[in-house]
Structure formats: C-alpha cells, structure tokens
PDB file of N, CA and C in Angstrom:
ATOM      1  N   MET A   1      31.388  32.309  -2.219  1.00  0.00           N
ATOM      2  CA  MET A   1      30.892  33.376  -1.368  1.00  0.00           C
ATOM      3  C   MET A   1      29.532  32.967  -0.791  1.00  0.00           C
ATOM      4  N   TRP A   2      29.366  33.157   0.498  1.00  0.00           N
ATOM      5  CA  TRP A   2      28.121  32.807   1.182  1.00  0.00           C
ATOM      6  C   TRP A   2      27.245  34.051   1.352  1.00  0.00           C
ATOM      7  N   THR A   3      25.943  33.865   1.231  1.00  0.00           N
ATOM      8  CA  THR A   3      24.982  34.957   1.330  1.00  0.00           C
ATOM      9  C   THR A   3      23.911  34.609   2.364  1.00  0.00           C
ATOM     10  N   VAL A   4      23.567  35.586   3.187  1.00  0.00           N
ATOM     11  CA  VAL A   4      22.494  35.396   4.172  1.00  0.00           C
ATOM     12  C   VAL A   4      21.153  35.442   3.439  1.00  0.00           C
ATOM     13  N   ILE A   5      20.337  34.401   3.648  1.00  0.00           N
ATOM     14  CA  ILE A   5      19.016  34.397   3.008  1.00  0.00           C
ATOM     15  C   ILE A   5      17.882  34.563   4.004  1.00  0.00           C
ATOM     16  N   TYR A   6      18.197  34.353   5.294  1.00  0.00           N
ATOM     17  CA  TYR A   6      17.129  34.444   6.283  1.00  0.00           C
ATOM     18  C   TYR A   6      17.742  34.612   7.665  1.00  0.00           C
ATOM     19  N   ILE A   7      17.043  35.334   8.527  1.00  0.00           N
ATOM     20  CA  ILE A   7      17.451  35.446   9.931  1.00  0.00           C
ATOM     21  C   ILE A   7      16.378  34.727  10.747  1.00  0.00           C
ATOM     22  N   ALA A   8      16.757  33.615  11.325  1.00  0.00           N
ATOM     23  CA  ALA A   8      15.818  32.811  12.106  1.00  0.00           C
ATOM     24  C   ALA A   8      15.728  33.356  13.528  1.00  0.00           C
ATOM     25  N   PRO A   9      14.518  33.404  14.079  1.00  0.00           N
ATOM     26  CA  PRO A   9      14.331  33.968  15.420  1.00  0.00           C
ATOM     27  C   PRO A   9      14.763  33.039  16.552  1.00  0.00           C
ATOM     28  N   THR A  10      14.896  31.741  16.255  1.00  0.00           N
ATOM     29  CA  THR A  10      15.311  30.780  17.280  1.00  0.00           C
ATOM     30  C   THR A  10      16.194  29.706  16.658  1.00  0.00           C
ATOM     31  N   ALA A  11      16.909  28.986  17.509  1.00  0.00           N
ATOM     32  CA  ALA A  11      17.749  27.885  17.039  1.00  0.00           C
ATOM     33  C   ALA A  11      16.887  26.786  16.424  1.00  0.00           C
ATOM     34  N   LYS A  12      15.715  26.556  16.997  1.00  0.00           N
ATOM     35  CA  LYS A  12      14.818  25.519  16.484  1.00  0.00           C
ATOM     36  C   LYS A  12      14.387  25.823  15.049  1.00  0.00           C
ATOM     37  N   VAL A  13      14.021  27.063  14.784  1.00  0.00           N
ATOM     38  CA  VAL A  13      13.620  27.466  13.428  1.00  0.00           C
ATOM     39  C   VAL A  13      14.816  27.358  12.485  1.00  0.00           C
ATOM     40  N   ALA A  14      15.980  27.790  12.929  1.00  0.00           N
ATOM     41  CA  ALA A  14      17.187  27.714  12.101  1.00  0.00           C
ATOM     42  C   ALA A  14      17.499  26.266  11.731  1.00  0.00           C
ATOM     43  N   ASP A  15      17.401  25.357  12.694  1.00  0.00           N
ATOM     44  CA  ASP A  15      17.669  23.944  12.434  1.00  0.00           C
ATOM     45  C   ASP A  15      16.661  23.349  11.460  1.00  0.00           C
ATOM     46  N   MET A  16      15.395  23.729  11.610  1.00  0.00           N
ATOM     47  CA  MET A  16      14.355  23.220  10.717  1.00  0.00           C
ATOM     48  C   MET A  16      14.602  23.675   9.280  1.00  0.00           C
ATOM     49  N   ILE A  17      14.916  24.948   9.110  1.00  0.00           N
ATOM     50  CA  ILE A  17      15.169  25.474   7.766  1.00  0.00           C
ATOM     51  C   ILE A  17      16.414  24.829   7.171  1.00  0.00           C
ATOM     52  N   LYS A  18      17.465  24.727   7.971  1.00  0.00           N
ATOM     53  CA  LYS A  18      18.697  24.102   7.481  1.00  0.00           C
ATOM     54  C   LYS A  18      18.435  22.664   7.047  1.00  0.00           C
ATOM     55  N   SER A  19      17.702  21.916   7.843  1.00  0.00           N
ATOM     56  CA  SER A  19      17.398  20.519   7.512  1.00  0.00           C
ATOM     57  C   SER A  19      16.629  20.406   6.203  1.00  0.00           C
ATOM     58  N   LYS A  20      15.608  21.220   6.058  1.00  0.00           N
ATOM     59  CA  LYS A  20      14.774  21.138   4.851  1.00  0.00           C
ATOM     60  C   LYS A  20      15.541  21.557   3.607  1.00  0.00           C
ATOM     61  N   LEU A  21      16.367  22.601   3.715  1.00  0.00           N
ATOM     62  CA  LEU A  21      17.160  23.021   2.556  1.00  0.00           C
ATOM     63  C   LEU A  21      18.220  21.975   2.212  1.00  0.00           C
ATOM     64  N   THR A  22      18.797  21.351   3.227  1.00  0.00           N
ATOM     65  CA  THR A  22      19.794  20.302   3.002  1.00  0.00           C
ATOM     66  C   THR A  22      19.145  19.102   2.316  1.00  0.00           C
ATOM     67  N   GLU A  23      17.927  18.748   2.739  1.00  0.00           N
ATOM     68  CA  GLU A  23      17.185  17.654   2.097  1.00  0.00           C
ATOM     69  C   GLU A  23      16.952  17.934   0.621  1.00  0.00           C
ATOM     70  N   GLU A  24      16.816  19.215   0.273  1.00  0.00           N
ATOM     71  CA  GLU A  24      16.607  19.608  -1.121  1.00  0.00           C
ATOM     72  C   GLU A  24      17.919  19.650  -1.910  1.00  0.00           C
ATOM     73  N   GLY A  25      19.044  19.393  -1.231  1.00  0.00           N
ATOM     74  CA  GLY A  25      20.326  19.312  -1.919  1.00  0.00           C
ATOM     75  C   GLY A  25      21.174  20.574  -1.889  1.00  0.00           C
ATOM     76  N   PHE A  26      20.801  21.529  -1.049  1.00  0.00           N
ATOM     77  CA  PHE A  26      21.563  22.777  -0.968  1.00  0.00           C
ATOM     78  C   PHE A  26      22.601  22.716   0.150  1.00  0.00           C
ATOM     79  N   LEU A  27      23.709  23.437  -0.054  1.00  0.00           N
ATOM     80  CA  LEU A  27      24.682  23.640   1.012  1.00  0.00           C
ATOM     81  C   LEU A  27      24.151  24.762   1.889  1.00  0.00           C
ATOM     82  N   VAL A  28      24.164  24.553   3.206  1.00  0.00           N
ATOM     83  CA  VAL A  28      23.597  25.544   4.123  1.00  0.00           C
ATOM     84  C   VAL A  28      24.486  25.666   5.357  1.00  0.00           C
ATOM     85  N   LYS A  29      24.661  26.908   5.830  1.00  0.00           N
ATOM     86  CA  LYS A  29      25.361  27.168   7.087  1.00  0.00           C
ATOM     87  C   LYS A  29      24.431  27.967   7.982  1.00  0.00           C
ATOM     88  N   CYS A  30      24.548  27.747   9.277  1.00  0.00           N
ATOM     89  CA  CYS A  30      23.833  28.561  10.262  1.00  0.00           C
ATOM     90  C   CYS A  30      24.873  29.140  11.200  1.00  0.00           C
ATOM     91  N   ARG A  31      24.671  30.394  11.589  1.00  0.00           N
ATOM     92  CA  ARG A  31      25.574  30.963  12.593  1.00  0.00           C
ATOM     93  C   ARG A  31      24.799  31.949  13.461  1.00  0.00           C
ATOM     94  N   PRO A  32      25.124  31.946  14.754  1.00  0.00           N
ATOM     95  CA  PRO A  32      24.437  32.871  15.667  1.00  0.00           C
ATOM     96  C   PRO A  32      24.872  34.308  15.396  1.00  0.00           C
ATOM     97  N   ILE A  33      23.928  35.234  15.483  1.00  0.00           N
ATOM     98  CA  ILE A  33      24.288  36.638  15.274  1.00  0.00           C
ATOM     99  C   ILE A  33      24.015  37.484  16.506  1.00  0.00           C
ATOM    100  N   ASN A  34      23.113  37.009  17.358  1.00  0.00           N
ATOM    101  CA  ASN A  34      22.792  37.785  18.549  1.00  0.00           C
ATOM    102  C   ASN A  34      22.385  36.797  19.633  1.00  0.00           C
ATOM    103  N   MET A  35      23.342  36.401  20.449  1.00  0.00           N
ATOM    104  CA  MET A  35      23.062  35.370  21.440  1.00  0.00           C
ATOM    105  C   MET A  35      22.025  35.814  22.473  1.00  0.00           C
ATOM    106  N   SER A  36      21.957  37.105  22.750  1.00  0.00           N
ATOM    107  CA  SER A  36      20.968  37.553  23.732  1.00  0.00           C
ATOM    108  C   SER A  36      19.542  37.413  23.198  1.00  0.00           C
ATOM    109  N   LYS A  37      19.379  37.517  21.881  1.00  0.00           N
ATOM    110  CA  LYS A  37      18.060  37.354  21.272  1.00  0.00           C
ATOM    111  C   LYS A  37      17.914  35.995  20.596  1.00  0.00           C
ATOM    112  N   GLN A  38      18.980  35.182  20.615  1.00  0.00           N
ATOM    113  CA  GLN A  38      18.953  33.854  20.002  1.00  0.00           C
ATOM    114  C   GLN A  38      18.612  33.893  18.511  1.00  0.00           C
ATOM    115  N   GLN A  39      19.176  34.840  17.781  1.00  0.00           N
ATOM    116  CA  GLN A  39      18.924  34.911  16.350  1.00  0.00           C
ATOM    117  C   GLN A  39      20.061  34.228  15.592  1.00  0.00           C
ATOM    118  N   PHE A  40      19.700  33.625  14.441  1.00  0.00           N
ATOM    119  CA  PHE A  40      20.671  32.883  13.651  1.00  0.00           C
ATOM    120  C   PHE A  40      20.540  33.244  12.178  1.00  0.00           C
ATOM    121  N   GLU A  41      21.689  33.449  11.524  1.00  0.00           N
ATOM    122  CA  GLU A  41      21.709  33.668  10.083  1.00  0.00           C
ATOM    123  C   GLU A  41      21.707  32.319   9.383  1.00  0.00           C
ATOM    124  N   ILE A  42      20.935  32.233   8.305  1.00  0.00           N
ATOM    125  CA  ILE A  42      20.962  31.066   7.426  1.00  0.00           C
ATOM    126  C   ILE A  42      21.696  31.540   6.172  1.00  0.00           C
ATOM    127  N   LEU A  43      22.789  30.856   5.846  1.00  0.00           N
ATOM    128  CA  LEU A  43      23.603  31.248   4.702  1.00  0.00           C
ATOM    129  C   LEU A  43      23.656  30.142   3.657  1.00  0.00           C
ATOM    130  N   VAL A  44      23.706  30.555   2.387  1.00  0.00           N
ATOM    131  CA  VAL A  44      23.848  29.616   1.273  1.00  0.00           C
ATOM    132  C   VAL A  44      24.854  30.191   0.287  1.00  0.00           C
ATOM    133  N   PRO A  45      25.428  29.336  -0.575  1.00  0.00           N
ATOM    134  CA  PRO A  45      26.328  29.859  -1.599  1.00  0.00           C
ATOM    135  C   PRO A  45      25.596  30.838  -2.516  1.00  0.00           C
ATOM    136  N   SER A  46      26.264  31.919  -2.867  1.00  0.00           N
ATOM    137  CA  SER A  46      25.650  32.969  -3.696  1.00  0.00           C
ATOM    138  C   SER A  46      25.099  32.425  -5.006  1.00  0.00           C
ATOM    139  N   ARG A  47      25.791  31.453  -5.585  1.00  0.00           N
ATOM    140  CA  ARG A  47      25.366  30.930  -6.893  1.00  0.00           C
ATOM    141  C   ARG A  47      24.031  30.186  -6.823  1.00  0.00           C
ATOM    142  N   GLU A  48      23.616  29.762  -5.635  1.00  0.00           N
ATOM    143  CA  GLU A  48      22.356  29.039  -5.463  1.00  0.00           C
ATOM    144  C   GLU A  48      21.230  29.922  -4.931  1.00  0.00           C
ATOM    145  N   LEU A  49      21.494  31.200  -4.810  1.00  0.00           N
ATOM    146  CA  LEU A  49      20.573  32.111  -4.127  1.00  0.00           C
ATOM    147  C   LEU A  49      19.146  32.073  -4.666  1.00  0.00           C
ATOM    148  N   GLU A  50      18.975  32.209  -5.981  1.00  0.00           N
ATOM    149  CA  GLU A  50      17.618  32.263  -6.537  1.00  0.00           C
ATOM    150  C   GLU A  50      16.858  30.970  -6.308  1.00  0.00           C
ATOM    151  N   GLU A  51      17.518  29.828  -6.515  1.00  0.00           N
ATOM    152  CA  GLU A  51      16.857  28.542  -6.309  1.00  0.00           C
ATOM    153  C   GLU A  51      16.466  28.357  -4.843  1.00  0.00           C
ATOM    154  N   VAL A  52      17.375  28.724  -3.945  1.00  0.00           N
ATOM    155  CA  VAL A  52      17.111  28.561  -2.516  1.00  0.00           C
ATOM    156  C   VAL A  52      15.963  29.465  -2.077  1.00  0.00           C
ATOM    157  N   GLN A  53      15.890  30.671  -2.613  1.00  0.00           N
ATOM    158  CA  GLN A  53      14.816  31.589  -2.229  1.00  0.00           C
ATOM    159  C   GLN A  53      13.447  30.996  -2.570  1.00  0.00           C
ATOM    160  N   GLU A  54      13.343  30.321  -3.713  1.00  0.00           N
ATOM    161  CA  GLU A  54      12.077  29.700  -4.097  1.00  0.00           C
ATOM    162  C   GLU A  54      11.699  28.598  -3.115  1.00  0.00           C
ATOM    163  N   VAL A  55      12.655  27.746  -2.766  1.00  0.00           N
ATOM    164  CA  VAL A  55      12.392  26.649  -1.834  1.00  0.00           C
ATOM    165  C   VAL A  55      12.107  27.195  -0.438  1.00  0.00           C
ATOM    166  N   LEU A  56      12.865  28.203  -0.011  1.00  0.00           N
ATOM    167  CA  LEU A  56      12.653  28.804   1.300  1.00  0.00           C
ATOM    168  C   LEU A  56      11.242  29.376   1.407  1.00  0.00           C
ATOM    169  N   ASN A  57      10.770  29.990   0.353  1.00  0.00           N
ATOM    170  CA  ASN A  57       9.418  30.543   0.353  1.00  0.00           C
ATOM    171  C   ASN A  57       8.381  29.446   0.573  1.00  0.00           C
ATOM    172  N   LEU A  58       8.600  28.271  -0.038  1.00  0.00           N
ATOM    173  CA  LEU A  58       7.681  27.141   0.149  1.00  0.00           C
ATOM    174  C   LEU A  58       7.764  26.594   1.580  1.00  0.00           C
ATOM    175  N   ILE A  59       8.955  26.632   2.170  1.00  0.00           N
ATOM    176  CA  ILE A  59       9.126  26.162   3.549  1.00  0.00           C
ATOM    177  C   ILE A  59       8.412  27.096   4.532  1.00  0.00           C
ATOM    178  N   LEU A  60       8.588  28.387   4.324  1.00  0.00           N
ATOM    179  CA  LEU A  60       8.020  29.373   5.256  1.00  0.00           C
ATOM    180  C   LEU A  60       6.527  29.603   5.057  1.00  0.00           C
ATOM    181  N   HIS A  61       6.050  29.395   3.822  1.00  0.00           N
ATOM    182  CA  HIS A  61       4.644  29.643   3.496  1.00  0.00           C
ATOM    183  C   HIS A  61       4.070  28.440   2.749  1.00  0.00           C
ATOM    184  N   PRO A  62       3.865  27.331   3.456  1.00  0.00           N
ATOM    185  CA  PRO A  62       3.388  26.091   2.769  1.00  0.00           C
ATOM    186  C   PRO A  62       1.977  26.213   2.220  1.00  0.00           C
TER     187      PRO A  62
END
C-alpha cells in the first residue's frame, strides 16, 4: 500500500525529493494531482512511512 507523504508545489521540487529519497534507498512514486497548479503527490510504501518522514524532514529543513 502506498501513502502520500508530501504534496510538492512544482515538478522540480517533486523530482528533487524523489531523487534524494531514492538515494537513501526508499521506493518512491510521484504523480500529478492538479495539472493547473502543477502539484505532485510524493508516495512511499506504508511500511517505510516513519523512516521516510525523518529523512524528508532533513531534506526540507536542512
């Protein structure tokens, strides 16, 4: 089961987050949710949620 962990405001931000989480060894999916606003969901497997949230926090707030 996949869980949304973040809504990125642009494709560039979504790609950056996906790349960094993938480098850390996580499975990550991105999908557009609102093409008019260019927003993207970042999804990860539910079983990795807590670990990913810690890494995501470091990515967003270095």
